Every structure is written in structure tokens, then in C-alpha cells.
Amino acid sequence: MLEKLLYPRLYSHIEAKQYYQKAVWMLRKDIHNSDQELVTCSILLDLYKSFDTVDHQKLLEKLEKQYGIRGLPWKLHENYLANRTRFENTEGIQS
């Protein structure tokens, strides 16, 4: 439920600041700045496990310093990320 409340606000903030366009531009710039003048045929991004691999403290710092997320919205993200564990139950087997 918290995600459904935060997502529209965070998305509109990121969209207003044009962070997506900047990220795509930086990626494109990195691809074209090849020293060997090679052609890039494809780029594959696998974001499936991104939440598991992100350092939550670094993410919170980036939200505050780079994206300007402060105050209550930042505290909500901090609380959401604090002591999170993932639990799955498949066919009676718990992990």
C-alpha cells in the first residue's frame, strides 16, 4: 500500500526534473565514447534482482543529495528499507 502512495509522487518528481532523459543521455554518451570506434549492437539490462543488490544506505543518500527527496518522503523510504527481508512460500516450502 505504501508503494502505491509513494510511486505517483516520486515518479512525477523524477519526471519533472527530467532524470530519466539525463540517465538515457549519459548511457548513450558512454556507448558512443568508445576509444576503438566499435559499434554497439545491443544493450541488455536485467533489473530483476536490482533491489537485492542495491546498498540501501547509498540509495537513501542518492535520493536526498542527487534527487532532492527530503523530509517525510525521505523518512518513508528510509523506514521502508530498514530491516527488510524477503519471504517466499512456494508449494509449502518457505525461504
Foldseek 3Di string as FASTA:
>chain_A
DVCVVLVVVVVVLCVVVVVVVVVVVVVVVVQCPDPVRDHDDDDDDDCPCVVVPDDLVVVLVCCCPVSPDDDPSSVVSVVVPPPDDDWDADPNDID
